[in-house]
Amino acid sequence: QRELVAYMTSSGRTNYGDSVKGRFTISRDNAKN
């Protein structure tokens, strides 16, 4: 099934799936959406 990898809100809060914690990093450029 489809599973969460990571998400990030426009205010900067992040969350990661357990299987990728410590290996993957999510980031955003709000000016570029």
ModelCIF file with pLDDT and N, C-alpha, C, O atoms, coordinates in Angstrom:
data_MODEL
#
_entry.id   MODEL 
#
_entity.id                         1 
_entity.type                       polymer 
_entity.pdbx_number_of_molecules   1 
#
_entity_poly.entity_id                      1 
_entity_poly.type                           'polypeptide(L)' 
_entity_poly.nstd_linkage                   no 
_entity_poly.nstd_monomer                   no 
_entity_poly.pdbx_seq_one_letter_code       QRELVAYMTSSGRTNYGDSVKGRFTISRDNAKN 
_entity_poly.pdbx_seq_one_letter_code_can   QRELVAYMTSSGRTNYGDSVKGRFTISRDNAKN 
_entity_poly.pdbx_strand_id                 A 
#
loop_
_entity_poly_seq.entity_id 
_entity_poly_seq.num 
_entity_poly_seq.mon_id 
_entity_poly_seq.hetero 
1 1  GLN n 
1 2  ARG n 
1 3  GLU n 
1 4  LEU n 
1 5  VAL n 
1 6  ALA n 
1 7  TYR n 
1 8  MET n 
1 9  THR n 
1 10 SER n 
1 11 SER n 
1 12 GLY n 
1 13 ARG n 
1 14 THR n 
1 15 ASN n 
1 16 TYR n 
1 17 GLY n 
1 18 ASP n 
1 19 SER n 
1 20 VAL n 
1 21 LYS n 
1 22 GLY n 
1 23 ARG n 
1 24 PHE n 
1 25 THR n 
1 26 ILE n 
1 27 SER n 
1 28 ARG n 
1 29 ASP n 
1 30 ASN n 
1 31 ALA n 
1 32 LYS n 
1 33 ASN n 
#
_struct_asym.id          A 
_struct_asym.entity_id   1 
#
loop_
_ma_qa_metric.id 
_ma_qa_metric.mode 
_ma_qa_metric.name 
_ma_qa_metric.software_group_id 
_ma_qa_metric.type 
1 global pLDDT . pLDDT 
2 local  pLDDT . pLDDT 
#
_ma_qa_metric_global.metric_id      1 
_ma_qa_metric_global.metric_value   95.76 
_ma_qa_metric_global.model_id       1 
_ma_qa_metric_global.ordinal_id     1 
#
loop_
_ma_qa_metric_local.label_asym_id 
_ma_qa_metric_local.label_comp_id 
_ma_qa_metric_local.label_seq_id 
_ma_qa_metric_local.metric_id 
_ma_qa_metric_local.metric_value 
_ma_qa_metric_local.model_id 
_ma_qa_metric_local.ordinal_id 
A GLN 1  2 96.00 1 1  
A ARG 2  2 97.00 1 2  
A GLU 3  2 97.00 1 3  
A LEU 4  2 97.00 1 4  
A VAL 5  2 98.00 1 5  
A ALA 6  2 98.00 1 6  
A TYR 7  2 97.00 1 7  
A MET 8  2 97.00 1 8  
A THR 9  2 95.00 1 9  
A SER 10 2 91.00 1 10 
A SER 11 2 92.00 1 11 
A GLY 12 2 94.00 1 12 
A ARG 13 2 97.00 1 13 
A THR 14 2 97.00 1 14 
A ASN 15 2 98.00 1 15 
A TYR 16 2 98.00 1 16 
A GLY 17 2 97.00 1 17 
A ASP 18 2 96.00 1 18 
A SER 19 2 95.00 1 19 
A VAL 20 2 97.00 1 20 
A LYS 21 2 95.00 1 21 
A GLY 22 2 96.00 1 22 
A ARG 23 2 98.00 1 23 
A PHE 24 2 98.00 1 24 
A THR 25 2 98.00 1 25 
A ILE 26 2 98.00 1 26 
A SER 27 2 97.00 1 27 
A ARG 28 2 95.00 1 28 
A ASP 29 2 94.00 1 29 
A ASN 30 2 90.00 1 30 
A ALA 31 2 91.00 1 31 
A LYS 32 2 93.00 1 32 
A ASN 33 2 93.00 1 33 
#
loop_
_atom_site.group_PDB 
_atom_site.id 
_atom_site.type_symbol 
_atom_site.label_atom_id 
_atom_site.label_alt_id 
_atom_site.label_comp_id 
_atom_site.label_asym_id 
_atom_site.label_entity_id 
_atom_site.label_seq_id 
_atom_site.pdbx_PDB_ins_code 
_atom_site.Cartn_x 
_atom_site.Cartn_y 
_atom_site.Cartn_z 
_atom_site.occupancy 
_atom_site.B_iso_or_equiv 
_atom_site.pdbx_formal_charge 
_atom_site.auth_seq_id 
_atom_site.auth_comp_id 
_atom_site.auth_asym_id 
_atom_site.auth_atom_id 
_atom_site.pdbx_PDB_model_num 
ATOM 1   N N  . GLN A 1 1  ? 0.825  -1.194 0.000  1.00 96.00 ? 1  GLN A N  1 
ATOM 2   C CA . GLN A 1 1  ? 0.000  0.000  0.000  1.00 96.00 ? 1  GLN A CA 1 
ATOM 3   C C  . GLN A 1 1  ? 0.867  1.254  0.000  1.00 96.00 ? 1  GLN A C  1 
ATOM 4   O O  . GLN A 1 1  ? 2.034  1.224  0.389  1.00 96.00 ? 1  GLN A O  1 
ATOM 5   N N  . ARG A 1 2  ? 0.273  2.347  -0.442 1.00 97.00 ? 2  ARG A N  1 
ATOM 6   C CA . ARG A 1 2  ? 0.978  3.614  -0.433 1.00 97.00 ? 2  ARG A CA 1 
ATOM 7   C C  . ARG A 1 2  ? 1.250  4.032  1.012  1.00 97.00 ? 2  ARG A C  1 
ATOM 8   O O  . ARG A 1 2  ? 0.377  3.922  1.873  1.00 97.00 ? 2  ARG A O  1 
ATOM 9   N N  . GLU A 1 3  ? 2.465  4.509  1.266  1.00 97.00 ? 3  GLU A N  1 
ATOM 10  C CA . GLU A 1 3  ? 2.864  4.881  2.614  1.00 97.00 ? 3  GLU A CA 1 
ATOM 11  C C  . GLU A 1 3  ? 3.517  6.255  2.623  1.00 97.00 ? 3  GLU A C  1 
ATOM 12  O O  . GLU A 1 3  ? 4.061  6.715  1.620  1.00 97.00 ? 3  GLU A O  1 
ATOM 13  N N  . LEU A 1 4  ? 3.447  6.890  3.774  1.00 97.00 ? 4  LEU A N  1 
ATOM 14  C CA . LEU A 1 4  ? 4.079  8.191  3.949  1.00 97.00 ? 4  LEU A CA 1 
ATOM 15  C C  . LEU A 1 4  ? 5.593  8.055  3.941  1.00 97.00 ? 4  LEU A C  1 
ATOM 16  O O  . LEU A 1 4  ? 6.151  7.180  4.603  1.00 97.00 ? 4  LEU A O  1 
ATOM 17  N N  . VAL A 1 5  ? 6.251  8.926  3.189  1.00 98.00 ? 5  VAL A N  1 
ATOM 18  C CA . VAL A 1 5  ? 7.692  9.073  3.256  1.00 98.00 ? 5  VAL A CA 1 
ATOM 19  C C  . VAL A 1 5  ? 8.038  10.260 4.155  1.00 98.00 ? 5  VAL A C  1 
ATOM 20  O O  . VAL A 1 5  ? 8.749  10.110 5.148  1.00 98.00 ? 5  VAL A O  1 
ATOM 21  N N  . ALA A 1 6  ? 7.537  11.420 3.802  1.00 98.00 ? 6  ALA A N  1 
ATOM 22  C CA . ALA A 1 6  ? 7.772  12.621 4.597  1.00 98.00 ? 6  ALA A CA 1 
ATOM 23  C C  . ALA A 1 6  ? 6.845  13.718 4.128  1.00 98.00 ? 6  ALA A C  1 
ATOM 24  O O  . ALA A 1 6  ? 6.436  13.736 2.967  1.00 98.00 ? 6  ALA A O  1 
ATOM 25  N N  . TYR A 1 7  ? 6.509  14.637 5.023  1.00 97.00 ? 7  TYR A N  1 
ATOM 26  C CA . TYR A 1 7  ? 5.794  15.832 4.624  1.00 97.00 ? 7  TYR A CA 1 
ATOM 27  C C  . TYR A 1 7  ? 6.309  17.028 5.394  1.00 97.00 ? 7  TYR A C  1 
ATOM 28  O O  . TYR A 1 7  ? 6.944  16.889 6.439  1.00 97.00 ? 7  TYR A O  1 
ATOM 29  N N  . MET A 1 8  ? 6.030  18.195 4.867  1.00 97.00 ? 8  MET A N  1 
ATOM 30  C CA . MET A 1 8  ? 6.459  19.437 5.487  1.00 97.00 ? 8  MET A CA 1 
ATOM 31  C C  . MET A 1 8  ? 5.404  20.510 5.253  1.00 97.00 ? 8  MET A C  1 
ATOM 32  O O  . MET A 1 8  ? 4.967  20.721 4.122  1.00 97.00 ? 8  MET A O  1 
ATOM 33  N N  . THR A 1 9  ? 5.000  21.177 6.307  1.00 95.00 ? 9  THR A N  1 
ATOM 34  C CA . THR A 1 9  ? 4.038  22.256 6.182  1.00 95.00 ? 9  THR A CA 1 
ATOM 35  C C  . THR A 1 9  ? 4.738  23.525 5.724  1.00 95.00 ? 9  THR A C  1 
ATOM 36  O O  . THR A 1 9  ? 5.963  23.631 5.775  1.00 95.00 ? 9  THR A O  1 
ATOM 37  N N  . SER A 1 10 ? 3.939  24.482 5.278  1.00 91.00 ? 10 SER A N  1 
ATOM 38  C CA . SER A 1 10 ? 4.507  25.751 4.844  1.00 91.00 ? 10 SER A CA 1 
ATOM 39  C C  . SER A 1 10 ? 5.141  26.521 5.987  1.00 91.00 ? 10 SER A C  1 
ATOM 40  O O  . SER A 1 10 ? 5.958  27.413 5.754  1.00 91.00 ? 10 SER A O  1 
ATOM 41  N N  . SER A 1 11 ? 4.779  26.191 7.215  1.00 92.00 ? 11 SER A N  1 
ATOM 42  C CA . SER A 1 11 ? 5.379  26.819 8.380  1.00 92.00 ? 11 SER A CA 1 
ATOM 43  C C  . SER A 1 11 ? 6.632  26.102 8.870  1.00 92.00 ? 11 SER A C  1 
ATOM 44  O O  . SER A 1 11 ? 7.285  26.570 9.803  1.00 92.00 ? 11 SER A O  1 
ATOM 45  N N  . GLY A 1 12 ? 6.975  24.965 8.248  1.00 94.00 ? 12 GLY A N  1 
ATOM 46  C CA . GLY A 1 12 ? 8.228  24.312 8.553  1.00 94.00 ? 12 GLY A CA 1 
ATOM 47  C C  . GLY A 1 12 ? 8.159  23.043 9.377  1.00 94.00 ? 12 GLY A C  1 
ATOM 48  O O  . GLY A 1 12 ? 9.201  22.450 9.659  1.00 94.00 ? 12 GLY A O  1 
ATOM 49  N N  . ARG A 1 13 ? 6.994  22.609 9.768  1.00 97.00 ? 13 ARG A N  1 
ATOM 50  C CA . ARG A 1 13 ? 6.874  21.378 10.546 1.00 97.00 ? 13 ARG A CA 1 
ATOM 51  C C  . ARG A 1 13 ? 7.025  20.168 9.637  1.00 97.00 ? 13 ARG A C  1 
ATOM 52  O O  . ARG A 1 13 ? 6.444  20.129 8.552  1.00 97.00 ? 13 ARG A O  1 
ATOM 53  N N  . THR A 1 14 ? 7.799  19.185 10.071 1.00 97.00 ? 14 THR A N  1 
ATOM 54  C CA . THR A 1 14 ? 8.067  17.999 9.267  1.00 97.00 ? 14 THR A CA 1 
ATOM 55  C C  . THR A 1 14 ? 7.640  16.733 9.991  1.00 97.00 ? 14 THR A C  1 
ATOM 56  O O  . THR A 1 14 ? 7.502  16.704 11.213 1.00 97.00 ? 14 THR A O  1 
ATOM 57  N N  . ASN A 1 15 ? 7.436  15.691 9.201  1.00 98.00 ? 15 ASN A N  1 
ATOM 58  C CA . ASN A 1 15 ? 7.148  14.375 9.724  1.00 98.00 ? 15 ASN A CA 1 
ATOM 59  C C  . ASN A 1 15 ? 7.689  13.349 8.744  1.00 98.00 ? 15 ASN A C  1 
ATOM 60  O O  . ASN A 1 15 ? 7.616  13.538 7.530  1.00 98.00 ? 15 ASN A O  1 
ATOM 61  N N  . TYR A 1 16 ? 8.237  12.254 9.282  1.00 98.00 ? 16 TYR A N  1 
ATOM 62  C CA . TYR A 1 16 ? 8.853  11.223 8.458  1.00 98.00 ? 16 TYR A CA 1 
ATOM 63  C C  . TYR A 1 16 ? 8.281  9.864  8.775  1.00 98.00 ? 16 TYR A C  1 
ATOM 64  O O  . TYR A 1 16 ? 7.919  9.571  9.915  1.00 98.00 ? 16 TYR A O  1 
ATOM 65  N N  . GLY A 1 17 ? 8.204  9.033  7.745  1.00 97.00 ? 17 GLY A N  1 
ATOM 66  C CA . GLY A 1 17 ? 7.886  7.643  7.979  1.00 97.00 ? 17 GLY A CA 1 
ATOM 67  C C  . GLY A 1 17 ? 9.024  6.957  8.720  1.00 97.00 ? 17 GLY A C  1 
ATOM 68  O O  . GLY A 1 17 ? 10.191 7.310  8.551  1.00 97.00 ? 17 GLY A O  1 
ATOM 69  N N  . ASP A 1 18 ? 8.674  5.973  9.541  1.00 96.00 ? 18 ASP A N  1 
ATOM 70  C CA . ASP A 1 18 ? 9.680  5.326  10.377 1.00 96.00 ? 18 ASP A CA 1 
ATOM 71  C C  . ASP A 1 18 ? 10.815 4.701  9.559  1.00 96.00 ? 18 ASP A C  1 
ATOM 72  O O  . ASP A 1 18 ? 11.966 4.710  9.995  1.00 96.00 ? 18 ASP A O  1 
ATOM 73  N N  . SER A 1 19 ? 10.506 4.170  8.401  1.00 95.00 ? 19 SER A N  1 
ATOM 74  C CA . SER A 1 19 ? 11.501 3.452  7.626  1.00 95.00 ? 19 SER A CA 1 
ATOM 75  C C  . SER A 1 19 ? 12.552 4.354  6.983  1.00 95.00 ? 19 SER A C  1 
ATOM 76  O O  . SER A 1 19 ? 13.579 3.861  6.517  1.00 95.00 ? 19 SER A O  1 
ATOM 77  N N  . VAL A 1 20 ? 12.314 5.660  6.948  1.00 97.00 ? 20 VAL A N  1 
ATOM 78  C CA . VAL A 1 20 ? 13.249 6.566  6.286  1.00 97.00 ? 20 VAL A CA 1 
ATOM 79  C C  . VAL A 1 20 ? 13.893 7.559  7.241  1.00 97.00 ? 20 VAL A C  1 
ATOM 80  O O  . VAL A 1 20 ? 14.747 8.342  6.824  1.00 97.00 ? 20 VAL A O  1 
ATOM 81  N N  . LYS A 1 21 ? 13.509 7.545  8.496  1.00 95.00 ? 21 LYS A N  1 
ATOM 82  C CA . LYS A 1 21 ? 14.075 8.477  9.460  1.00 95.00 ? 21 LYS A CA 1 
ATOM 83  C C  . LYS A 1 21 ? 15.589 8.302  9.551  1.00 95.00 ? 21 LYS A C  1 
ATOM 84  O O  . LYS A 1 21 ? 16.094 7.185  9.659  1.00 95.00 ? 21 LYS A O  1 
ATOM 85  N N  . GLY A 1 22 ? 16.296 9.417  9.507  1.00 96.00 ? 22 GLY A N  1 
ATOM 86  C CA . GLY A 1 22 ? 17.741 9.393  9.576  1.00 96.00 ? 22 GLY A CA 1 
ATOM 87  C C  . GLY A 1 22 ? 18.422 9.234  8.237  1.00 96.00 ? 22 GLY A C  1 
ATOM 88  O O  . GLY A 1 22 ? 19.634 9.423  8.138  1.00 96.00 ? 22 GLY A O  1 
ATOM 89  N N  . ARG A 1 23 ? 17.667 8.888  7.197  1.00 98.00 ? 23 ARG A N  1 
ATOM 90  C CA . ARG A 1 23 ? 18.249 8.712  5.868  1.00 98.00 ? 23 ARG A CA 1 
ATOM 91  C C  . ARG A 1 23 ? 17.739 9.732  4.858  1.00 98.00 ? 23 ARG A C  1 
ATOM 92  O O  . ARG A 1 23 ? 18.485 10.168 3.981  1.00 98.00 ? 23 ARG A O  1 
ATOM 93  N N  . PHE A 1 24 ? 16.473 10.109 4.980  1.00 98.00 ? 24 PHE A N  1 
ATOM 94  C CA . PHE A 1 24 ? 15.855 11.046 4.040  1.00 98.00 ? 24 PHE A CA 1 
ATOM 95  C C  . PHE A 1 24 ? 15.641 12.384 4.730  1.00 98.00 ? 24 PHE A C  1 
ATOM 96  O O  . PHE A 1 24 ? 15.416 12.445 5.938  1.00 98.00 ? 24 PHE A O  1 
ATOM 97  N N  . THR A 1 25 ? 15.713 13.450 3.951  1.00 98.00 ? 25 THR A N  1 
ATOM 98  C CA . THR A 1 25 ? 15.480 14.791 4.456  1.00 98.00 ? 25 THR A CA 1 
ATOM 99  C C  . THR A 1 25 ? 14.563 15.541 3.502  1.00 98.00 ? 25 THR A C  1 
ATOM 100 O O  . THR A 1 25 ? 14.835 15.619 2.304  1.00 98.00 ? 25 THR A O  1 
ATOM 101 N N  . ILE A 1 26 ? 13.481 16.091 4.033  1.00 98.00 ? 26 ILE A N  1 
ATOM 102 C CA . ILE A 1 26 ? 12.565 16.883 3.231  1.00 98.00 ? 26 ILE A CA 1 
ATOM 103 C C  . ILE A 1 26 ? 12.843 18.360 3.467  1.00 98.00 ? 26 ILE A C  1 
ATOM 104 O O  . ILE A 1 26 ? 13.190 18.767 4.576  1.00 98.00 ? 26 ILE A O  1 
ATOM 105 N N  . SER A 1 27 ? 12.691 19.151 2.426  1.00 97.00 ? 27 SER A N  1 
ATOM 106 C CA . SER A 1 27 ? 12.885 20.588 2.527  1.00 97.00 ? 27 SER A CA 1 
ATOM 107 C C  . SER A 1 27 ? 11.942 21.283 1.555  1.00 97.00 ? 27 SER A C  1 
ATOM 108 O O  . SER A 1 27 ? 11.383 20.657 0.655  1.00 97.00 ? 27 SER A O  1 
ATOM 109 N N  . ARG A 1 28 ? 11.776 22.588 1.752  1.00 95.00 ? 28 ARG A N  1 
ATOM 110 C CA . ARG A 1 28 ? 10.874 23.366 0.905  1.00 95.00 ? 28 ARG A CA 1 
ATOM 111 C C  . ARG A 1 28 ? 11.502 24.687 0.534  1.00 95.00 ? 28 ARG A C  1 
ATOM 112 O O  . ARG A 1 28 ? 12.312 25.242 1.277  1.00 95.00 ? 28 ARG A O  1 
ATOM 113 N N  . ASP A 1 29 ? 11.119 25.179 -0.619 1.00 94.00 ? 29 ASP A N  1 
ATOM 114 C CA . ASP A 1 29 ? 11.394 26.539 -1.033 1.00 94.00 ? 29 ASP A CA 1 
ATOM 115 C C  . ASP A 1 29 ? 10.033 27.166 -1.297 1.00 94.00 ? 29 ASP A C  1 
ATOM 116 O O  . ASP A 1 29 ? 9.466  26.999 -2.377 1.00 94.00 ? 29 ASP A O  1 
ATOM 117 N N  . ASN A 1 30 ? 9.516  27.879 -0.322 1.00 90.00 ? 30 ASN A N  1 
ATOM 118 C CA . ASN A 1 30 ? 8.164  28.415 -0.440 1.00 90.00 ? 30 ASN A CA 1 
ATOM 119 C C  . ASN A 1 30 ? 8.042  29.441 -1.558 1.00 90.00 ? 30 ASN A C  1 
ATOM 120 O O  . ASN A 1 30 ? 6.981  29.560 -2.172 1.00 90.00 ? 30 ASN A O  1 
ATOM 121 N N  . ALA A 1 31 ? 9.101  30.177 -1.829 1.00 91.00 ? 31 ALA A N  1 
ATOM 122 C CA . ALA A 1 31 ? 9.068  31.156 -2.906 1.00 91.00 ? 31 ALA A CA 1 
ATOM 123 C C  . ALA A 1 31 ? 8.875  30.491 -4.261 1.00 91.00 ? 31 ALA A C  1 
ATOM 124 O O  . ALA A 1 31 ? 8.301  31.087 -5.173 1.00 91.00 ? 31 ALA A O  1 
ATOM 125 N N  . LYS A 1 32 ? 9.352  29.260 -4.394 1.00 93.00 ? 32 LYS A N  1 
ATOM 126 C CA . LYS A 1 32 ? 9.216  28.511 -5.639 1.00 93.00 ? 32 LYS A CA 1 
ATOM 127 C C  . LYS A 1 32 ? 8.102  27.478 -5.590 1.00 93.00 ? 32 LYS A C  1 
ATOM 128 O O  . LYS A 1 32 ? 7.868  26.773 -6.572 1.00 93.00 ? 32 LYS A O  1 
ATOM 129 N N  . ASN A 1 33 ? 7.412  27.380 -4.456 1.00 93.00 ? 33 ASN A N  1 
ATOM 130 C CA . ASN A 1 33 ? 6.373  26.365 -4.260 1.00 93.00 ? 33 ASN A CA 1 
ATOM 131 C C  . ASN A 1 33 ? 6.890  24.977 -4.621 1.00 93.00 ? 33 ASN A C  1 
ATOM 132 O O  . ASN A 1 33 ? 6.152  23.997 -4.518 1.00 93.00 ? 33 ASN A O  1 
#
